[in-house]
C-alpha cells in the first residue's frame, strides 16, 4: 500500500537543477514510517517532548462472554524472576486458554511436568512469571493458592504455590512454604485461575 500521509499543501513547482537540494517533489511525497511493530497504531503522546507521538499495540478484542480463546504459544510468556531462568517449550503447555465475563478473567492453564521442555537454569530463585493471556490488565494485589507438582512423578508439593498479581500483565508464582525453586525442580500445574481485570 502506498504511503498516504502527505502535507496538506502540494507544490506545483518543478524540481530545480540541483539534486542535492530539497525539491518540491520531496515536499509532495508521502512520509515514511519507522519503528513500531506490524499492526501497531500511532497515537498522540504529549509526554514525548521530541515527537509528541508513539506506537502502541492495537486494543485486544476479548472473546464473547463464555467463549474460550486459546493463547498462542510463546516462550516469552514463561520466565524466571532474576536470577532464575525458566525455559518452557511448546509441548509442555498442554492448555493455555481464557474467557471473560465482564471484568472477570477465567484462565485455564496446564503446564506439564512430564512432557516437553520445562527447565530451570541460571541460579535458584523464589519466583516464576507467566504472562496473562489476551493482553488484559490484571487488578493488583490478587493472590491464589494452587497445587504444585514437581518432577516426572507429578507428586504434589506440600503447601502448593502462591499466585500473585505483582504486575498488570503477568502473575508471579512462588512457593507457599517459602524458599527458592531448585534448578532440579520441574514446575507443573493444572489450574483454572479466576482473576479480576482493571
C-alpha atoms as a PDB file:
ATOM      1  CA  UNK A   1       0.000   0.000   0.000  1.00  0.00           C
ATOM      2  CA  UNK A   2       1.353   3.438  -0.915  1.00  0.00           C
ATOM      3  CA  UNK A   3       2.079   5.892   1.855  1.00  0.00           C
ATOM      4  CA  UNK A   4      -0.942   8.148   2.330  1.00  0.00           C
ATOM      5  CA  UNK A   5       0.314  10.739   4.853  1.00  0.00           C
ATOM      6  CA  UNK A   6       1.241  13.891   2.941  1.00  0.00           C
ATOM      7  CA  UNK A   7       1.360  17.636   3.511  1.00  0.00           C
ATOM      8  CA  UNK A   8      -1.951  19.391   3.025  1.00  0.00           C
ATOM      9  CA  UNK A   9      -0.354  21.824   0.589  1.00  0.00           C
ATOM     10  CA  UNK A  10       1.121  20.361  -2.601  1.00  0.00           C
ATOM     11  CA  UNK A  11       3.667  22.403  -4.505  1.00  0.00           C
ATOM     12  CA  UNK A  12       3.098  22.824  -8.235  1.00  0.00           C
ATOM     13  CA  UNK A  13       6.667  23.961  -8.874  1.00  0.00           C
ATOM     14  CA  UNK A  14       9.054  21.861 -10.920  1.00  0.00           C
ATOM     15  CA  UNK A  15      12.203  20.492  -9.346  1.00  0.00           C
ATOM     16  CA  UNK A  16      15.337  22.597  -9.636  1.00  0.00           C
ATOM     17  CA  UNK A  17      18.596  21.511 -11.278  1.00  0.00           C
ATOM     18  CA  UNK A  18      20.498  20.858  -8.007  1.00  0.00           C
ATOM     19  CA  UNK A  19      19.648  17.324  -6.863  1.00  0.00           C
ATOM     20  CA  UNK A  20      21.429  17.928  -3.525  1.00  0.00           C
ATOM     21  CA  UNK A  21      18.756  20.472  -2.530  1.00  0.00           C
ATOM     22  CA  UNK A  22      15.287  19.727  -1.138  1.00  0.00           C
ATOM     23  CA  UNK A  23      12.917  19.698  -4.089  1.00  0.00           C
ATOM     24  CA  UNK A  24       9.173  20.397  -4.413  1.00  0.00           C
ATOM     25  CA  UNK A  25       8.699  16.710  -5.236  1.00  0.00           C
ATOM     26  CA  UNK A  26      10.219  15.848  -1.841  1.00  0.00           C
ATOM     27  CA  UNK A  27       7.660  18.078  -0.123  1.00  0.00           C
ATOM     28  CA  UNK A  28       4.832  16.459  -2.089  1.00  0.00           C
ATOM     29  CA  UNK A  29       5.999  12.911  -1.416  1.00  0.00           C
ATOM     30  CA  UNK A  30       4.473  10.734   1.318  1.00  0.00           C
ATOM     31  CA  UNK A  31       6.152  10.261   4.684  1.00  0.00           C
ATOM     32  CA  UNK A  32       7.992   7.062   5.595  1.00  0.00           C
ATOM     33  CA  UNK A  33       7.130   5.479   8.950  1.00  0.00           C
ATOM     34  CA  UNK A  34       9.738   3.746  11.121  1.00  0.00           C
ATOM     35  CA  UNK A  35       9.648   1.938  14.460  1.00  0.00           C
ATOM     36  CA  UNK A  36       6.778   0.015  15.988  1.00  0.00           C
ATOM     37  CA  UNK A  37       5.558  -3.444  15.035  1.00  0.00           C
ATOM     38  CA  UNK A  38       3.223  -4.633  12.308  1.00  0.00           C
ATOM     39  CA  UNK A  39      -0.329  -3.632  13.239  1.00  0.00           C
ATOM     40  CA  UNK A  40       0.696  -1.002  15.831  1.00  0.00           C
ATOM     41  CA  UNK A  41      -1.164   2.304  15.990  1.00  0.00           C
ATOM     42  CA  UNK A  42       0.480   5.743  16.017  1.00  0.00           C
ATOM     43  CA  UNK A  43      -1.070   7.778  18.838  1.00  0.00           C
ATOM     44  CA  UNK A  44      -0.667  11.255  20.296  1.00  0.00           C
ATOM     45  CA  UNK A  45       1.633  11.329  23.337  1.00  0.00           C
ATOM     46  CA  UNK A  46       2.039  14.778  24.940  1.00  0.00           C
ATOM     47  CA  UNK A  47       4.731  13.396  27.268  1.00  0.00           C
ATOM     48  CA  UNK A  48       7.065  12.834  24.300  1.00  0.00           C
ATOM     49  CA  UNK A  49       8.831  16.180  24.035  1.00  0.00           C
ATOM     50  CA  UNK A  50      10.615  15.244  20.798  1.00  0.00           C
ATOM     51  CA  UNK A  51       7.836  13.871  18.602  1.00  0.00           C
ATOM     52  CA  UNK A  52       4.582  14.068  20.558  1.00  0.00           C
ATOM     53  CA  UNK A  53       3.535  10.604  19.414  1.00  0.00           C
ATOM     54  CA  UNK A  54       4.306   6.931  19.960  1.00  0.00           C
ATOM     55  CA  UNK A  55       3.492   3.470  18.628  1.00  0.00           C
ATOM     56  CA  UNK A  56       1.103   1.361  20.698  1.00  0.00           C
ATOM     57  CA  UNK A  57      -0.221  -2.148  20.237  1.00  0.00           C
ATOM     58  CA  UNK A  58      -3.804  -2.324  18.936  1.00  0.00           C
ATOM     59  CA  UNK A  59      -6.511  -2.990  21.507  1.00  0.00           C
ATOM     60  CA  UNK A  60      -7.339  -6.626  22.071  1.00  0.00           C
ATOM     61  CA  UNK A  61     -10.944  -7.581  21.375  1.00  0.00           C
ATOM     62  CA  UNK A  62     -11.950 -10.016  24.123  1.00  0.00           C
ATOM     63  CA  UNK A  63     -13.780 -13.179  23.154  1.00  0.00           C
ATOM     64  CA  UNK A  64     -17.525 -13.199  23.570  1.00  0.00           C
ATOM     65  CA  UNK A  65     -18.669 -13.989  27.103  1.00  0.00           C
ATOM     66  CA  UNK A  66     -18.373 -17.695  27.798  1.00  0.00           C
ATOM     67  CA  UNK A  67     -16.330 -18.407  24.659  1.00  0.00           C
ATOM     68  CA  UNK A  68     -12.870 -19.862  25.221  1.00  0.00           C
ATOM     69  CA  UNK A  69      -9.941 -18.421  23.257  1.00  0.00           C
ATOM     70  CA  UNK A  70      -6.614 -20.226  23.047  1.00  0.00           C
ATOM     71  CA  UNK A  71      -3.462 -18.264  23.796  1.00  0.00           C
ATOM     72  CA  UNK A  72      -0.876 -18.861  21.039  1.00  0.00           C
ATOM     73  CA  UNK A  73       2.305 -20.351  22.436  1.00  0.00           C
ATOM     74  CA  UNK A  74       5.228 -18.028  23.050  1.00  0.00           C
ATOM     75  CA  UNK A  75       8.286 -18.995  25.082  1.00  0.00           C
ATOM     76  CA  UNK A  76       8.469 -15.350  26.205  1.00  0.00           C
ATOM     77  CA  UNK A  77       5.255 -15.865  28.222  1.00  0.00           C
ATOM     78  CA  UNK A  78       7.152 -18.049  30.714  1.00  0.00           C
ATOM     79  CA  UNK A  79      10.146 -16.668  32.609  1.00  0.00           C
ATOM     80  CA  UNK A  80      12.008 -16.852  35.862  1.00  0.00           C
ATOM     81  CA  UNK A  81      12.390 -13.761  38.025  1.00  0.00           C
ATOM     82  CA  UNK A  82      16.112 -12.968  38.136  1.00  0.00           C
ATOM     83  CA  UNK A  83      18.416 -14.733  38.868  1.00  0.00           C
ATOM     84  CA  UNK A  84      16.203 -17.704  37.952  1.00  0.00           C
ATOM     85  CA  UNK A  85      15.653 -18.633  34.278  1.00  0.00           C
ATOM     86  CA  UNK A  86      12.612 -20.690  33.255  1.00  0.00           C
ATOM     87  CA  UNK A  87      12.500 -22.158  29.750  1.00  0.00           C
ATOM     88  CA  UNK A  88       9.255 -23.760  28.591  1.00  0.00           C
ATOM     89  CA  UNK A  89       8.758 -25.469  25.249  1.00  0.00           C
ATOM     90  CA  UNK A  90       5.519 -25.697  23.310  1.00  0.00           C
ATOM     91  CA  UNK A  91       4.963 -29.399  24.121  1.00  0.00           C
ATOM     92  CA  UNK A  92       4.953 -28.644  27.859  1.00  0.00           C
ATOM     93  CA  UNK A  93       1.993 -26.265  27.576  1.00  0.00           C
ATOM     94  CA  UNK A  94      -0.935 -28.663  27.337  1.00  0.00           C
ATOM     95  CA  UNK A  95      -3.536 -25.924  27.690  1.00  0.00           C
ATOM     96  CA  UNK A  96      -3.471 -22.123  27.866  1.00  0.00           C
ATOM     97  CA  UNK A  97      -6.859 -20.597  27.151  1.00  0.00           C
ATOM     98  CA  UNK A  98      -9.122 -17.929  28.590  1.00  0.00           C
ATOM     99  CA  UNK A  99     -12.622 -16.492  28.681  1.00  0.00           C
ATOM    100  CA  UNK A 100     -14.066 -13.362  30.225  1.00  0.00           C
ATOM    101  CA  UNK A 101     -17.273 -12.265  31.884  1.00  0.00           C
ATOM    102  CA  UNK A 102     -17.242  -8.515  32.264  1.00  0.00           C
ATOM    103  CA  UNK A 103     -14.186  -7.666  34.375  1.00  0.00           C
ATOM    104  CA  UNK A 104     -13.550 -11.303  35.386  1.00  0.00           C
ATOM    105  CA  UNK A 105     -10.884 -13.377  33.642  1.00  0.00           C
ATOM    106  CA  UNK A 106     -11.122 -17.165  33.621  1.00  0.00           C
ATOM    107  CA  UNK A 107      -7.717 -18.572  32.719  1.00  0.00           C
ATOM    108  CA  UNK A 108      -7.212 -22.306  32.226  1.00  0.00           C
ATOM    109  CA  UNK A 109      -3.509 -23.202  32.279  1.00  0.00           C
ATOM    110  CA  UNK A 110      -1.866 -26.628  32.195  1.00  0.00           C
ATOM    111  CA  UNK A 111       1.931 -26.685  32.230  1.00  0.00           C
ATOM    112  CA  UNK A 112       3.190 -30.269  32.272  1.00  0.00           C
ATOM    113  CA  UNK A 113       5.995 -31.623  34.434  1.00  0.00           C
ATOM    114  CA  UNK A 114       6.105 -34.781  32.302  1.00  0.00           C
ATOM    115  CA  UNK A 115       6.127 -33.592  28.681  1.00  0.00           C
ATOM    116  CA  UNK A 116       8.177 -31.279  26.520  1.00  0.00           C
ATOM    117  CA  UNK A 117      10.884 -28.914  27.681  1.00  0.00           C
ATOM    118  CA  UNK A 118      10.352 -27.429  31.152  1.00  0.00           C
ATOM    119  CA  UNK A 119      13.718 -26.426  32.591  1.00  0.00           C
ATOM    120  CA  UNK A 120      15.010 -24.131  35.331  1.00  0.00           C
ATOM    121  CA  UNK A 121      18.504 -22.666  34.943  1.00  0.00           C
ATOM    122  CA  UNK A 122      20.553 -19.660  35.968  1.00  0.00           C
ATOM    123  CA  UNK A 123      20.637 -19.508  39.785  1.00  0.00           C
ATOM    124  CA  UNK A 124      17.980 -20.655  42.272  1.00  0.00           C
ATOM    125  CA  UNK A 125      15.288 -18.010  42.770  1.00  0.00           C
ATOM    126  CA  UNK A 126      11.950 -17.687  44.501  1.00  0.00           C
ATOM    127  CA  UNK A 127       9.620 -16.694  41.654  1.00  0.00           C
ATOM    128  CA  UNK A 128       8.408 -17.656  38.192  1.00  0.00           C
ATOM    129  CA  UNK A 129       6.458 -15.243  35.983  1.00  0.00           C
ATOM    130  CA  UNK A 130       3.694 -16.112  33.491  1.00  0.00           C
ATOM    131  CA  UNK A 131       2.236 -13.554  31.097  1.00  0.00           C
ATOM    132  CA  UNK A 132      -1.529 -13.193  31.403  1.00  0.00           C
ATOM    133  CA  UNK A 133      -3.484 -14.114  28.245  1.00  0.00           C
ATOM    134  CA  UNK A 134      -5.318 -11.816  25.886  1.00  0.00           C
ATOM    135  CA  UNK A 135      -3.347  -8.653  26.631  1.00  0.00           C
ATOM    136  CA  UNK A 136      -5.614  -7.861  29.579  1.00  0.00           C
ATOM    137  CA  UNK A 137      -4.597  -5.740  32.566  1.00  0.00           C
ATOM    138  CA  UNK A 138      -4.900  -7.543  35.908  1.00  0.00           C
ATOM    139  CA  UNK A 139      -6.066  -5.801  39.066  1.00  0.00           C
ATOM    140  CA  UNK A 140      -3.189  -5.548  41.582  1.00  0.00           C
ATOM    141  CA  UNK A 141      -2.603  -7.478  44.816  1.00  0.00           C
ATOM    142  CA  UNK A 142      -4.626 -10.599  43.959  1.00  0.00           C
ATOM    143  CA  UNK A 143      -3.487 -13.911  45.449  1.00  0.00           C
ATOM    144  CA  UNK A 144      -4.469 -17.512  44.744  1.00  0.00           C
ATOM    145  CA  UNK A 145      -3.211 -20.852  46.075  1.00  0.00           C
ATOM    146  CA  UNK A 146      -2.799 -23.722  43.614  1.00  0.00           C
ATOM    147  CA  UNK A 147      -1.492 -27.276  43.816  1.00  0.00           C
ATOM    148  CA  UNK A 148       2.050 -27.758  42.655  1.00  0.00           C
ATOM    149  CA  UNK A 149       3.598 -30.884  41.163  1.00  0.00           C
ATOM    150  CA  UNK A 150       7.300 -31.351  40.690  1.00  0.00           C
ATOM    151  CA  UNK A 151       9.300 -33.842  38.696  1.00  0.00           C
ATOM    152  CA  UNK A 152       8.294 -36.703  36.442  1.00  0.00           C
ATOM    153  CA  UNK A 153       6.309 -38.405  39.216  1.00  0.00           C
ATOM    154  CA  UNK A 154       3.895 -35.466  39.449  1.00  0.00           C
ATOM    155  CA  UNK A 155       3.816 -35.638  43.252  1.00  0.00           C
ATOM    156  CA  UNK A 156       2.002 -32.643  44.840  1.00  0.00           C
ATOM    157  CA  UNK A 157       4.333 -30.459  46.913  1.00  0.00           C
ATOM    158  CA  UNK A 158       3.213 -29.556  50.438  1.00  0.00           C
ATOM    159  CA  UNK A 159       1.758 -26.070  50.624  1.00  0.00           C
ATOM    160  CA  UNK A 160       1.385 -25.609  46.879  1.00  0.00           C
ATOM    161  CA  UNK A 161       2.096 -22.377  45.064  1.00  0.00           C
ATOM    162  CA  UNK A 162       1.033 -18.773  45.595  1.00  0.00           C
ATOM    163  CA  UNK A 163      -0.086 -16.817  42.523  1.00  0.00           C
ATOM    164  CA  UNK A 164       0.236 -13.031  42.923  1.00  0.00           C
ATOM    165  CA  UNK A 165      -0.559 -10.191  40.512  1.00  0.00           C
ATOM    166  CA  UNK A 166       2.514  -8.055  41.140  1.00  0.00           C
ATOM    167  CA  UNK A 167       2.397  -6.601  37.621  1.00  0.00           C
ATOM    168  CA  UNK A 168      -0.638  -5.735  35.445  1.00  0.00           C
ATOM    169  CA  UNK A 169       0.294  -8.140  32.671  1.00  0.00           C
ATOM    170  CA  UNK A 170       1.561 -11.257  34.478  1.00  0.00           C
ATOM    171  CA  UNK A 171       1.283 -13.431  37.565  1.00  0.00           C
ATOM    172  CA  UNK A 172       4.215 -14.306  39.803  1.00  0.00           C
ATOM    173  CA  UNK A 173       4.457 -17.868  41.098  1.00  0.00           C
ATOM    174  CA  UNK A 174       6.107 -18.536  44.475  1.00  0.00           C
ATOM    175  CA  UNK A 175       6.184 -21.459  46.914  1.00  0.00           C
ATOM    176  CA  UNK A 176       3.714 -21.071  49.769  1.00  0.00           C
ATOM    177  CA  UNK A 177       6.211 -22.755  52.085  1.00  0.00           C
ATOM    178  CA  UNK A 178       8.820 -20.183  51.084  1.00  0.00           C
ATOM    179  CA  UNK A 179      12.281 -20.658  49.712  1.00  0.00           C
ATOM    180  CA  UNK A 180      13.714 -20.881  46.230  1.00  0.00           C
ATOM    181  CA  UNK A 181      12.956 -23.097  43.292  1.00  0.00           C
ATOM    182  CA  UNK A 182      15.862 -25.504  42.870  1.00  0.00           C
ATOM    183  CA  UNK A 183      17.312 -25.873  39.395  1.00  0.00           C
ATOM    184  CA  UNK A 184      16.316 -29.545  39.553  1.00  0.00           C
ATOM    185  CA  UNK A 185      12.629 -28.631  40.001  1.00  0.00           C
ATOM    186  CA  UNK A 186      10.240 -29.161  37.086  1.00  0.00           C
ATOM    187  CA  UNK A 187       7.293 -26.869  37.869  1.00  0.00           C
ATOM    188  CA  UNK A 188       3.951 -28.300  36.826  1.00  0.00           C
ATOM    189  CA  UNK A 189       0.378 -27.243  37.453  1.00  0.00           C
ATOM    190  CA  UNK A 190      -3.103 -27.730  36.011  1.00  0.00           C
ATOM    191  CA  UNK A 191      -5.295 -24.889  37.208  1.00  0.00           C
ATOM    192  CA  UNK A 192      -8.216 -22.569  36.463  1.00  0.00           C
ATOM    193  CA  UNK A 193      -7.475 -19.018  37.627  1.00  0.00           C
ATOM    194  CA  UNK A 194     -10.289 -16.569  38.352  1.00  0.00           C
ATOM    195  CA  UNK A 195      -8.839 -13.064  38.322  1.00  0.00           C
ATOM    196  CA  UNK A 196     -10.203  -9.510  38.375  1.00  0.00           C
ATOM    197  CA  UNK A 197      -9.405  -7.225  35.464  1.00  0.00           C
ATOM    198  CA  UNK A 198      -8.978  -3.477  35.668  1.00  0.00           C
END
